[in-house]
Amino acid sequence: MTAKNKITLQIASIYIFVLLMGFLLRNYETNNHYQWIIIFISIFEIAMICYITGKVDGEPLGSIGLRNVSIMDIVHGVVLGVILYLLYTVPVELFTNMSVTSNRPLPFSEMPYLYTLLFLSFINKITEEVIFRGYIFTKLNQLLSSKWSVILISFLFIYVMNLSKTLSFNGLNMYGAFITTVLYCYYLYYFSRKSIIPLIISDCLLIILRAGYGYIIWEAIYSLF
């Protein structure tokens, strides 16, 4: 088996497994009795990627972007998260009758499971970054010479994965997956550390901002005018 055939088989096997898990577990995230399953599967998937990278491929975890956290990683992650949040919400604010500033976080007393849902979202995003922007992105770059081909395939992989969980087409989800993929792949291509830590920080910040705390950013922007 050639090296490229091996990489293709690895990508296909991992992706099919992730799709299958996403489809089977799509109804468990909001079920308080089964949320532990989501956490277990996420940890298993991360461990699987680390095992394949270290034991099967014989490469350090840094090759898939799992590096030590630095101060600049945190700064880059915050900047990426704010940029991504604005890219998500500018079309809503400018071209619809809705206002993102009216979306405020609910008090904990009114949403007792809010922090559990946020934690599960964090776990899901960490797993997604390790699999897609860590392992699969790295392997695609070993297969393909065109950066835009890698970006397009990465976008399709992630969107179809999310589609397997919802089983419904949503234009906003497609837009979000596309701009996230382009921004994150651009970051990985043009920043020398090639670390996915800033992407994980960005994802977690984006979840918090979209949960209602993003109104602070928009109020700060409006205060300038």
Protein backbone atom coordinates (compact mmCIF):
# COMPACT_ATOMS: atom_id res chain seq x y z
CA MET A 1 0.00 0.00 0.00
CA THR A 2 1.38 3.40 -1.00
CA ALA A 3 1.68 6.23 1.52
CA LYS A 4 -1.09 8.22 -0.18
CA ASN A 5 -3.43 5.23 -0.20
CA LYS A 6 -2.76 4.71 3.50
CA ILE A 7 -3.52 8.37 4.27
CA THR A 8 -6.72 8.23 2.19
CA LEU A 9 -7.85 5.09 4.02
CA GLN A 10 -7.09 6.65 7.41
CA ILE A 11 -9.05 9.82 6.57
CA ALA A 12 -12.01 7.81 5.24
CA SER A 13 -12.08 5.45 8.24
CA ILE A 14 -11.93 8.22 10.82
CA TYR A 15 -14.48 10.36 8.99
CA ILE A 16 -16.98 7.53 8.62
CA PHE A 17 -16.61 6.73 12.32
CA VAL A 18 -17.20 10.39 13.28
CA LEU A 19 -20.24 10.60 10.98
CA LEU A 20 -21.69 7.44 12.47
CA MET A 21 -21.19 8.65 16.04
CA GLY A 22 -22.71 12.05 15.20
CA PHE A 23 -25.77 10.40 13.68
CA LEU A 24 -26.29 7.91 16.50
CA LEU A 25 -25.79 10.47 19.30
CA ARG A 26 -27.63 13.42 17.71
CA ASN A 27 -30.50 13.32 20.24
CA TYR A 28 -28.41 12.85 23.39
CA GLU A 29 -26.93 16.35 23.83
CA THR A 30 -30.15 17.75 25.30
CA ASN A 31 -30.97 14.60 27.28
CA ASN A 32 -29.56 15.04 30.78
CA HIS A 33 -29.51 11.29 31.43
CA TYR A 34 -27.23 10.51 28.49
CA GLN A 35 -24.91 13.51 28.28
CA TRP A 36 -22.13 11.44 29.87
CA ILE A 37 -22.14 9.37 26.66
CA ILE A 38 -21.26 12.49 24.63
CA ILE A 39 -18.35 13.23 26.97
CA PHE A 40 -17.10 9.62 26.85
CA ILE A 41 -17.28 9.42 23.03
CA SER A 42 -15.54 12.80 22.67
CA ILE A 43 -12.68 11.72 24.96
CA PHE A 44 -12.45 8.41 23.08
CA GLU A 45 -12.24 10.19 19.70
CA ILE A 46 -9.48 12.52 20.93
CA ALA A 47 -7.57 9.56 22.40
CA MET A 48 -8.01 7.65 19.13
CA ILE A 49 -6.52 10.52 17.09
CA CYS A 50 -3.60 10.85 19.52
CA TYR A 51 -2.97 7.09 19.38
CA ILE A 52 -3.04 6.97 15.57
CA THR A 53 -0.74 9.98 15.34
CA GLY A 54 1.79 8.75 17.91
CA LYS A 55 1.71 4.95 17.54
CA VAL A 56 0.53 4.28 13.98
CA ASP A 57 2.05 7.26 12.16
CA GLY A 58 4.96 7.63 14.58
CA GLU A 59 4.65 11.41 14.66
CA PRO A 60 4.60 13.84 17.61
CA LEU A 61 1.28 15.35 18.65
CA GLY A 62 2.67 18.72 17.60
CA SER A 63 2.32 17.52 13.99
CA ILE A 64 -1.47 17.79 14.35
CA GLY A 65 -1.33 21.13 16.15
CA LEU A 66 -1.44 19.92 19.77
CA ARG A 67 1.29 22.13 21.20
CA ASN A 68 1.99 23.76 24.55
CA VAL A 69 -0.20 26.77 25.25
CA SER A 70 1.53 30.14 24.94
CA ILE A 71 0.38 33.68 25.75
CA MET A 72 0.18 34.42 22.02
CA ASP A 73 -2.07 31.39 21.52
CA ILE A 74 -4.53 32.93 23.98
CA VAL A 75 -4.31 36.35 22.31
CA HIS A 76 -4.77 34.84 18.84
CA GLY A 77 -7.67 32.72 20.08
CA VAL A 78 -9.50 35.74 21.53
CA VAL A 79 -8.94 37.77 18.35
CA LEU A 80 -10.11 34.90 16.14
CA GLY A 81 -13.19 34.38 18.33
CA VAL A 82 -14.22 38.05 18.14
CA ILE A 83 -13.62 38.19 14.37
CA LEU A 84 -15.64 35.02 13.86
CA TYR A 85 -18.46 36.30 16.06
CA LEU A 86 -18.66 39.51 14.03
CA LEU A 87 -18.64 37.53 10.77
CA TYR A 88 -21.54 35.47 12.13
CA THR A 89 -23.58 38.42 13.35
CA VAL A 90 -22.88 41.31 10.93
CA PRO A 91 -25.26 39.90 8.26
CA VAL A 92 -27.95 39.50 10.93
CA GLU A 93 -27.44 43.02 12.27
CA LEU A 94 -27.26 44.74 8.88
CA PHE A 95 -29.62 42.79 6.64
CA THR A 96 -32.42 41.52 8.88
CA ASN A 97 -34.93 43.01 11.30
CA MET A 98 -33.34 41.14 14.19
CA SER A 99 -30.83 42.71 16.54
CA VAL A 100 -28.08 40.68 18.14
CA THR A 101 -27.92 43.21 21.01
CA SER A 102 -31.36 42.04 22.14
CA ASN A 103 -30.03 38.52 22.72
CA ARG A 104 -29.01 38.50 26.38
CA PRO A 105 -27.90 35.49 28.45
CA LEU A 106 -30.58 33.98 30.67
CA PRO A 107 -30.04 34.00 34.44
CA PHE A 108 -28.84 30.68 35.78
CA SER A 109 -32.05 30.31 37.79
CA GLU A 110 -34.07 30.38 34.56
CA MET A 111 -31.75 28.07 32.65
CA PRO A 112 -30.35 25.54 35.16
CA TYR A 113 -28.74 23.38 32.48
CA LEU A 114 -27.12 26.28 30.60
CA TYR A 115 -23.63 25.66 31.95
CA THR A 116 -23.91 21.92 31.27
CA LEU A 117 -24.84 22.68 27.66
CA LEU A 118 -21.93 25.12 27.39
CA PHE A 119 -19.55 22.50 28.77
CA LEU A 120 -20.80 19.92 26.26
CA SER A 121 -20.39 22.50 23.48
CA PHE A 122 -16.80 23.10 24.59
CA ILE A 123 -16.08 19.35 24.56
CA ASN A 124 -17.63 18.98 21.11
CA LYS A 125 -15.60 21.85 19.70
CA ILE A 126 -12.33 20.60 21.18
CA THR A 127 -12.99 17.19 19.64
CA GLU A 128 -13.91 18.78 16.30
CA GLU A 129 -10.70 20.81 16.17
CA VAL A 130 -8.50 17.83 17.04
CA ILE A 131 -10.13 15.67 14.36
CA PHE A 132 -10.72 18.14 11.54
CA ARG A 133 -8.25 21.02 11.89
CA GLY A 134 -5.67 18.82 13.57
CA TYR A 135 -5.56 15.37 12.02
CA ILE A 136 -7.63 15.51 8.81
CA PHE A 137 -6.35 18.97 7.78
CA THR A 138 -2.77 17.75 8.21
CA LYS A 139 -3.42 14.58 6.20
CA LEU A 140 -5.21 16.46 3.42
CA ASN A 141 -2.18 18.70 3.04
CA GLN A 142 -0.05 15.59 2.57
CA LEU A 143 -2.40 14.41 -0.18
CA LEU A 144 -3.17 17.65 -2.02
CA SER A 145 -0.95 20.47 -3.26
CA SER A 146 -3.77 23.02 -3.65
CA LYS A 147 -4.59 24.92 -0.46
CA TRP A 148 -8.06 25.85 -1.72
CA SER A 149 -8.80 22.19 -2.43
CA VAL A 150 -7.88 21.38 1.17
CA ILE A 151 -10.08 24.24 2.44
CA LEU A 152 -13.05 23.19 0.29
CA ILE A 153 -12.82 19.53 1.29
CA SER A 154 -12.40 20.52 4.95
CA PHE A 155 -15.54 22.66 4.71
CA LEU A 156 -17.54 19.85 3.11
CA PHE A 157 -16.35 17.35 5.72
CA ILE A 158 -17.36 19.59 8.61
CA TYR A 159 -20.69 20.67 7.12
CA VAL A 160 -21.75 17.10 6.30
CA MET A 161 -20.70 16.05 9.81
CA ASN A 162 -22.94 18.74 11.31
CA LEU A 163 -25.69 17.79 8.84
CA SER A 164 -25.60 14.21 10.13
CA LYS A 165 -26.52 15.54 13.58
CA THR A 166 -29.44 17.77 12.53
CA LEU A 167 -30.66 15.96 9.38
CA SER A 168 -31.90 19.31 8.05
CA PHE A 169 -30.45 21.87 5.66
CA ASN A 170 -29.75 25.31 7.11
CA GLY A 171 -28.19 28.09 5.04
CA LEU A 172 -26.86 29.89 8.12
CA ASN A 173 -25.13 26.72 9.31
CA MET A 174 -23.52 26.34 5.89
CA TYR A 175 -22.39 29.98 5.96
CA GLY A 176 -21.00 29.54 9.47
CA ALA A 177 -19.13 26.34 8.57
CA PHE A 178 -17.66 28.02 5.47
CA ILE A 179 -16.37 31.21 7.10
CA THR A 180 -15.04 29.23 10.08
CA THR A 181 -13.18 26.82 7.81
CA VAL A 182 -11.69 29.60 5.65
CA LEU A 183 -10.58 31.68 8.66
CA TYR A 184 -9.11 28.76 10.59
CA CYS A 185 -7.34 27.21 7.59
CA TYR A 186 -5.91 30.61 6.69
CA TYR A 187 -4.60 30.91 10.25
CA LEU A 188 -3.01 27.44 10.13
CA TYR A 189 -1.39 28.15 6.76
CA TYR A 190 0.08 31.54 7.57
CA PHE A 191 1.05 31.36 11.26
CA SER A 192 4.27 29.47 11.84
CA ARG A 193 3.34 27.54 15.03
CA LYS A 194 0.54 25.65 13.24
CA SER A 195 -1.16 25.18 16.62
CA ILE A 196 -4.86 24.36 16.99
CA ILE A 197 -4.91 25.72 20.55
CA PRO A 198 -5.97 29.24 19.37
CA LEU A 199 -8.77 27.62 17.35
CA ILE A 200 -10.05 25.79 20.42
CA ILE A 201 -9.94 29.02 22.45
CA SER A 202 -11.72 30.83 19.61
CA ASP A 203 -14.46 28.18 19.46
CA CYS A 204 -15.08 28.33 23.20
CA LEU A 205 -15.22 32.14 23.15
CA LEU A 206 -17.58 32.07 20.16
CA ILE A 207 -19.93 29.74 22.03
CA ILE A 208 -20.03 32.15 24.99
CA LEU A 209 -20.59 35.18 22.76
CA ARG A 210 -23.37 33.49 20.78
CA ALA A 211 -24.99 32.34 24.04
CA GLY A 212 -25.84 35.99 24.68
CA TYR A 213 -22.71 37.73 25.92
CA GLY A 214 -21.84 39.09 22.47
CA TYR A 215 -24.14 42.04 23.05
CA ILE A 216 -21.23 43.62 24.96
CA ILE A 217 -19.18 43.81 21.75
CA TRP A 218 -22.02 45.30 19.73
CA GLU A 219 -22.82 47.88 22.42
CA ALA A 220 -19.15 48.87 22.40
CA ILE A 221 -19.24 49.24 18.60
CA TYR A 222 -22.43 51.34 18.67
CA SER A 223 -20.99 53.55 21.38
CA LEU A 224 -18.33 54.69 18.90
CA PHE A 225 -20.92 56.17 16.54
